[in-house]
Amino acid sequence: MTCAELCGNNQGLVKMYQPALMAPSPDYAGKPITERETSTSAVINANQSPGMLAAITAADLAAEKVSSKGENDNGPISIVSSYNSSTSSGQLAFYVERMARKGLIGIAFANSPEFVAAAPGGEAVFGTNPLAVGIPARRSDTNDDDDSTTANQPFTFDMATSAIALFGVLSAKAKNEPLPPNVAYAKDGSMTTDATEALEGGGAIATFGGHKGAGLALCVELLAGALSGGAVLGQVESKKVAKSWGHTFIAIRPEDLVDDYDEKVGSILETVKASGGGGGGGGENGL
């Protein structure tokens, strides 16, 4: 949460506005354990521990599985999922950047309880269902002796597939402020700027970009919910009640696929940044 707060991301300390949303289950929370493990994959059963603990366990294990060389080399790609966590995992960029700083491509998906409707007037079925990518990079104007923070700063991209993150809505509610336009529905399917109506009045958060966001939200549901073993729509009373948030992490060792990948990435990023108009990075910090 501190990392997110320093980035200006709404996955930061606003999460403590409702501490119960971030507290582990008091009666039966345990430590994450590894299940279904192979040389290139694993499933983490979080045992109702917090999502941040489950996510970092899964992300680090995915990275570990592609970091070995020599006789223990298992190839360039691994996948590790986690399920049965009881809270949000927070800012996904934190985990994929951690992987990228090890020279790996990190990809993350996370599903969450029902707050987002697939279409206007529909019931909430998706979570905010974020995805994130972290990519190692070496900027084209640095050299091997440059150990500055910016020389090897990974590229990270982290987005919710909803039009606004859940904690953005909670923050607006806490401050008694209106939501931005066109990010949430009232019960009748019309747009609302009332956070309470969206969260508690039968409304829902909207996906971003209409059917495109809904399609991506569905993909995340399939990859982070169904594939991980987390709570599945239609198989539980609700994901909110089941409290089994799912994550899927993919780690890729690019050097096995192409030479000088981080330099190629740096060249692309610098060119996009130099193209003007904000640099194409978007988000809080751009490129």
Protein backbone atom coordinates (compact mmCIF):
# COMPACT_ATOMS: atom_id res chain seq x y z
CA MET A 1 0.00 0.00 0.00
CA THR A 2 2.90 2.33 0.73
CA CYS A 3 4.34 1.71 -2.75
CA ALA A 4 0.98 2.53 -4.32
CA GLU A 5 0.63 5.65 -2.18
CA LEU A 6 4.04 6.91 -3.30
CA CYS A 7 2.92 6.44 -6.93
CA GLY A 8 -0.29 8.38 -6.35
CA ASN A 9 -2.21 5.17 -7.09
CA ASN A 10 -5.60 4.65 -5.47
CA GLN A 11 -4.52 1.22 -4.27
CA GLY A 12 -2.65 2.98 -1.43
CA LEU A 13 -3.60 3.91 2.10
CA VAL A 14 -7.20 4.61 1.08
CA LYS A 15 -7.62 0.86 1.50
CA MET A 16 -7.60 1.45 5.25
CA TYR A 17 -10.77 3.54 4.94
CA GLN A 18 -12.58 0.25 5.46
CA PRO A 19 -10.06 -1.92 7.34
CA ALA A 20 -12.34 -4.94 7.20
CA LEU A 21 -11.76 -5.13 3.45
CA MET A 22 -8.04 -5.67 4.04
CA ALA A 23 -8.15 -7.78 7.22
CA PRO A 24 -7.50 -11.53 6.98
CA SER A 25 -10.23 -13.88 8.07
CA PRO A 26 -9.94 -13.91 11.88
CA ASP A 27 -11.12 -17.47 12.46
CA TYR A 28 -9.22 -19.58 9.98
CA ALA A 29 -6.48 -17.61 8.20
CA GLY A 30 -3.30 -19.62 7.67
CA LYS A 31 -0.07 -19.36 5.71
CA PRO A 32 0.09 -19.82 1.94
CA ILE A 33 1.14 -23.29 0.83
CA THR A 34 2.22 -24.61 -2.56
CA GLU A 35 0.04 -27.13 -4.39
CA ARG A 36 0.12 -28.81 -7.83
CA GLU A 37 3.75 -27.92 -8.43
CA THR A 38 5.77 -28.77 -11.55
CA SER A 39 9.11 -27.43 -12.75
CA THR A 40 7.37 -24.57 -14.58
CA SER A 41 4.12 -24.09 -12.70
CA ALA A 42 2.48 -24.09 -9.29
CA VAL A 43 -0.71 -23.21 -7.48
CA ILE A 44 -0.62 -21.33 -4.18
CA ASN A 45 -3.41 -21.98 -1.69
CA ALA A 46 -3.44 -18.78 0.34
CA ASN A 47 -5.45 -20.35 3.17
CA GLN A 48 -7.43 -17.13 3.61
CA SER A 49 -4.31 -15.05 4.18
CA PRO A 50 -4.23 -11.49 2.78
CA GLY A 51 -4.05 -11.10 -0.97
CA MET A 52 -0.75 -9.21 -0.80
CA LEU A 53 0.95 -12.15 0.89
CA ALA A 54 -0.51 -14.62 -1.61
CA ALA A 55 0.44 -12.46 -4.59
CA ILE A 56 4.04 -11.89 -3.60
CA THR A 57 4.45 -15.59 -2.84
CA ALA A 58 3.14 -16.50 -6.29
CA ALA A 59 5.07 -13.79 -8.14
CA ASP A 60 8.37 -14.67 -6.49
CA LEU A 61 7.89 -18.38 -7.16
CA ALA A 62 7.12 -17.71 -10.83
CA ALA A 63 10.32 -15.66 -11.09
CA GLU A 64 12.35 -18.32 -9.29
CA LYS A 65 11.24 -21.01 -11.71
CA VAL A 66 12.72 -19.23 -14.74
CA SER A 67 15.79 -17.78 -13.02
CA SER A 68 17.74 -21.05 -12.83
CA LYS A 69 20.39 -21.80 -15.43
CA GLY A 70 22.47 -24.86 -16.27
CA GLU A 71 21.27 -28.28 -15.20
CA ASN A 72 18.30 -26.77 -13.35
CA ASP A 73 17.12 -24.73 -16.32
CA ASN A 74 13.39 -25.28 -16.78
CA GLY A 75 12.95 -23.09 -19.83
CA PRO A 76 11.98 -19.45 -20.36
CA ILE A 77 8.35 -19.39 -19.19
CA SER A 78 6.59 -20.22 -15.93
CA ILE A 79 3.10 -19.68 -14.54
CA VAL A 80 2.01 -19.60 -10.91
CA SER A 81 -1.47 -18.87 -9.64
CA SER A 82 -2.95 -18.31 -6.21
CA TYR A 83 -6.44 -18.70 -4.78
CA ASN A 84 -8.30 -18.69 -1.49
CA SER A 85 -6.95 -15.28 -0.42
CA SER A 86 -9.29 -13.13 1.61
CA THR A 87 -8.43 -9.58 0.53
CA SER A 88 -7.27 -7.45 -2.38
CA SER A 89 -3.65 -7.77 -3.47
CA GLY A 90 -3.37 -4.03 -4.06
CA GLN A 91 -1.29 -2.50 -6.83
CA LEU A 92 -0.34 -5.23 -9.33
CA ALA A 93 2.48 -3.08 -10.71
CA PHE A 94 4.38 -3.72 -7.47
CA TYR A 95 4.66 -7.43 -8.25
CA VAL A 96 5.48 -7.23 -11.96
CA GLU A 97 8.08 -4.52 -11.35
CA ARG A 98 9.66 -6.81 -8.76
CA MET A 99 9.89 -9.48 -11.47
CA ALA A 100 11.18 -7.04 -14.09
CA ARG A 101 14.02 -5.92 -11.80
CA LYS A 102 15.23 -9.53 -11.99
CA GLY A 103 15.46 -9.23 -15.77
CA LEU A 104 12.16 -11.01 -16.38
CA ILE A 105 8.93 -10.06 -18.10
CA GLY A 106 6.16 -10.22 -15.53
CA ILE A 107 2.47 -10.50 -16.37
CA ALA A 108 -0.25 -10.49 -13.72
CA PHE A 109 -4.01 -10.91 -13.63
CA ALA A 110 -6.28 -10.60 -10.59
CA ASN A 111 -9.99 -11.18 -10.15
CA SER A 112 -12.12 -9.86 -7.33
CA PRO A 113 -15.71 -9.77 -6.01
CA GLU A 114 -18.69 -8.48 -7.97
CA PHE A 115 -18.67 -4.71 -8.29
CA VAL A 116 -18.64 -4.23 -12.08
CA ALA A 117 -21.46 -4.78 -14.59
CA ALA A 118 -20.78 -6.19 -18.04
CA ALA A 119 -23.31 -3.76 -19.58
CA PRO A 120 -25.63 -0.90 -18.54
CA GLY A 121 -28.50 -2.15 -16.40
CA GLY A 122 -26.85 -5.50 -15.75
CA GLU A 123 -26.00 -6.96 -12.37
CA ALA A 124 -22.45 -6.66 -11.09
CA VAL A 125 -20.58 -9.81 -12.13
CA PHE A 126 -16.95 -8.81 -12.52
CA GLY A 127 -14.45 -7.44 -10.11
CA THR A 128 -12.38 -4.46 -11.18
CA ASN A 129 -10.19 -7.26 -12.59
CA PRO A 130 -6.83 -5.56 -13.10
CA LEU A 131 -3.94 -6.71 -15.24
CA ALA A 132 -0.33 -5.57 -15.21
CA VAL A 133 2.86 -6.01 -17.22
CA GLY A 134 6.42 -5.36 -16.10
CA ILE A 135 9.25 -5.33 -18.63
CA PRO A 136 13.01 -4.92 -18.03
CA ALA A 137 14.52 -2.01 -19.95
CA ARG A 138 17.82 -0.27 -20.55
CA ARG A 139 17.43 3.25 -21.82
CA SER A 140 19.31 3.90 -25.04
CA ASP A 141 21.30 6.82 -23.64
CA THR A 142 22.87 4.84 -20.77
CA ASN A 143 25.85 2.51 -20.65
CA ASP A 144 26.92 -0.52 -18.65
CA ASP A 145 28.61 1.64 -16.01
CA ASP A 146 25.47 3.69 -15.32
CA ASP A 147 23.89 2.45 -12.10
CA SER A 148 21.42 5.30 -11.72
CA THR A 149 17.80 4.63 -10.82
CA THR A 150 16.57 5.64 -14.25
CA ALA A 151 19.13 3.66 -16.26
CA ASN A 152 17.43 0.33 -15.70
CA GLN A 153 13.97 1.45 -14.62
CA PRO A 154 11.51 -1.24 -15.77
CA PHE A 155 8.47 -0.34 -17.78
CA THR A 156 5.30 -1.18 -15.87
CA PHE A 157 1.69 -0.90 -16.92
CA ASP A 158 -1.14 -1.57 -14.48
CA MET A 159 -4.81 -1.03 -15.20
CA ALA A 160 -8.21 -2.00 -13.93
CA THR A 161 -10.60 -3.22 -16.58
CA SER A 162 -13.28 -1.14 -14.86
CA ALA A 163 -13.78 2.54 -15.63
CA ILE A 164 -12.64 3.37 -12.09
CA ALA A 165 -11.00 1.25 -9.41
CA LEU A 166 -13.11 0.16 -6.45
CA PHE A 167 -11.06 2.18 -4.05
CA GLY A 168 -11.53 5.23 -6.24
CA VAL A 169 -15.25 4.84 -5.60
CA LEU A 170 -14.66 4.25 -1.88
CA SER A 171 -12.45 7.34 -1.75
CA ALA A 172 -15.17 9.47 -3.37
CA LYS A 173 -17.70 8.12 -0.90
CA ALA A 174 -15.43 8.84 2.06
CA LYS A 175 -14.88 12.42 0.90
CA ASN A 176 -18.53 12.88 -0.04
CA GLU A 177 -17.44 13.81 -3.55
CA PRO A 178 -19.12 12.95 -6.86
CA LEU A 179 -17.65 10.29 -9.08
CA PRO A 180 -16.25 11.28 -12.47
CA PRO A 181 -18.90 11.09 -15.20
CA ASN A 182 -19.57 7.83 -17.04
CA VAL A 183 -17.82 5.45 -14.63
CA ALA A 184 -20.76 3.97 -12.72
CA TYR A 185 -24.37 2.90 -13.24
CA ALA A 186 -27.47 3.46 -11.16
CA LYS A 187 -29.86 0.54 -10.63
CA ASP A 188 -31.86 1.46 -13.76
CA GLY A 189 -28.76 1.41 -15.97
CA SER A 190 -28.39 5.17 -16.23
CA MET A 191 -25.07 6.76 -15.37
CA THR A 192 -24.61 8.06 -11.84
CA THR A 193 -21.99 10.11 -10.03
CA ASP A 194 -23.23 8.97 -6.61
CA ALA A 195 -20.73 6.53 -5.11
CA THR A 196 -23.25 5.19 -2.60
CA GLU A 197 -25.76 4.45 -5.34
CA ALA A 198 -23.11 2.61 -7.33
CA LEU A 199 -21.92 0.53 -4.38
CA GLU A 200 -25.02 -0.03 -2.28
CA GLY A 201 -28.07 1.15 -4.22
CA GLY A 202 -28.28 -1.64 -6.74
CA GLY A 203 -25.92 0.04 -9.18
CA ALA A 204 -22.50 -1.04 -10.37
CA ILE A 205 -19.18 0.23 -11.63
CA ALA A 206 -18.86 0.35 -15.43
CA THR A 207 -16.14 -1.30 -17.49
CA PHE A 208 -13.84 1.03 -19.40
CA GLY A 209 -14.40 1.39 -23.12
CA GLY A 210 -17.70 -0.42 -23.35
CA HIS A 211 -17.50 -3.91 -24.84
CA LYS A 212 -13.68 -3.77 -25.03
CA GLY A 213 -13.36 -3.35 -21.29
CA ALA A 214 -16.04 -5.98 -20.69
CA GLY A 215 -14.15 -8.40 -22.91
CA LEU A 216 -10.90 -7.82 -21.06
CA ALA A 217 -12.66 -8.14 -17.70
CA LEU A 218 -14.04 -11.49 -18.83
CA CYS A 219 -10.57 -12.64 -19.94
CA VAL A 220 -9.16 -11.74 -16.52
CA GLU A 221 -12.04 -13.59 -14.86
CA LEU A 222 -11.16 -16.69 -16.88
CA LEU A 223 -7.39 -16.42 -16.33
CA ALA A 224 -7.27 -15.27 -12.71
CA GLY A 225 -10.50 -16.77 -11.39
CA ALA A 226 -11.15 -20.04 -13.19
CA LEU A 227 -7.51 -20.94 -13.90
CA SER A 228 -6.31 -20.19 -10.38
CA GLY A 229 -9.03 -22.12 -8.57
CA GLY A 230 -10.56 -18.96 -7.10
CA ALA A 231 -14.27 -18.34 -6.64
CA VAL A 232 -16.14 -18.84 -9.91
CA LEU A 233 -19.31 -17.08 -11.03
CA GLY A 234 -22.29 -19.41 -10.98
CA GLN A 235 -20.56 -21.95 -8.74
CA VAL A 236 -20.76 -19.90 -5.54
CA GLU A 237 -23.47 -17.79 -3.94
CA SER A 238 -21.27 -14.80 -4.69
CA LYS A 239 -17.58 -14.10 -4.89
CA LYS A 240 -18.03 -11.59 -2.08
CA VAL A 241 -19.29 -14.34 0.23
CA ALA A 242 -16.79 -16.94 -0.96
CA LYS A 243 -13.79 -14.65 -0.31
CA SER A 244 -11.44 -16.53 -2.61
CA TRP A 245 -9.67 -13.94 -4.71
CA GLY A 246 -7.55 -15.34 -7.56
CA HIS A 247 -4.27 -14.28 -9.19
CA THR A 248 -2.21 -15.60 -12.08
CA PHE A 249 1.41 -14.61 -12.65
CA ILE A 250 3.48 -15.39 -15.73
CA ALA A 251 7.26 -14.95 -15.82
CA ILE A 252 9.23 -14.90 -19.07
CA ARG A 253 13.02 -14.94 -19.44
CA PRO A 254 13.44 -12.86 -22.61
CA GLU A 255 17.10 -13.64 -23.21
CA ASP A 256 16.14 -17.16 -24.32
CA LEU A 257 13.96 -15.72 -27.07
CA VAL A 258 15.90 -12.70 -28.35
CA ASP A 259 19.24 -10.95 -27.84
CA ASP A 260 19.47 -7.52 -26.18
CA TYR A 261 15.79 -7.42 -25.29
CA ASP A 262 16.16 -4.77 -22.60
CA GLU A 263 18.01 -2.48 -25.01
CA LYS A 264 15.34 -3.01 -27.67
CA VAL A 265 12.69 -2.15 -25.08
CA GLY A 266 14.62 0.96 -24.08
CA SER A 267 14.80 2.08 -27.71
CA ILE A 268 11.05 1.64 -28.17
CA LEU A 269 10.22 3.49 -24.95
CA GLU A 270 12.51 6.41 -25.74
CA THR A 271 11.10 6.70 -29.27
CA VAL A 272 7.51 6.67 -28.02
CA LYS A 273 8.37 9.21 -25.33
CA ALA A 274 10.04 11.49 -27.89
CA SER A 275 7.01 11.33 -30.18
CA GLY A 276 5.23 13.96 -28.08
CA GLY A 277 1.72 14.27 -26.75
CA GLY A 278 2.48 12.80 -23.35
CA GLY A 279 4.66 9.89 -24.35
CA GLY A 280 2.01 7.19 -24.67
CA GLY A 281 2.55 5.88 -21.15
CA GLY A 282 -0.57 7.32 -19.57
CA GLY A 283 -1.34 6.63 -15.94
CA GLU A 284 0.21 8.49 -13.05
CA ASN A 285 3.78 8.60 -14.26
CA GLY A 286 3.81 7.98 -18.02
CA LEU A 287 7.09 6.82 -19.54
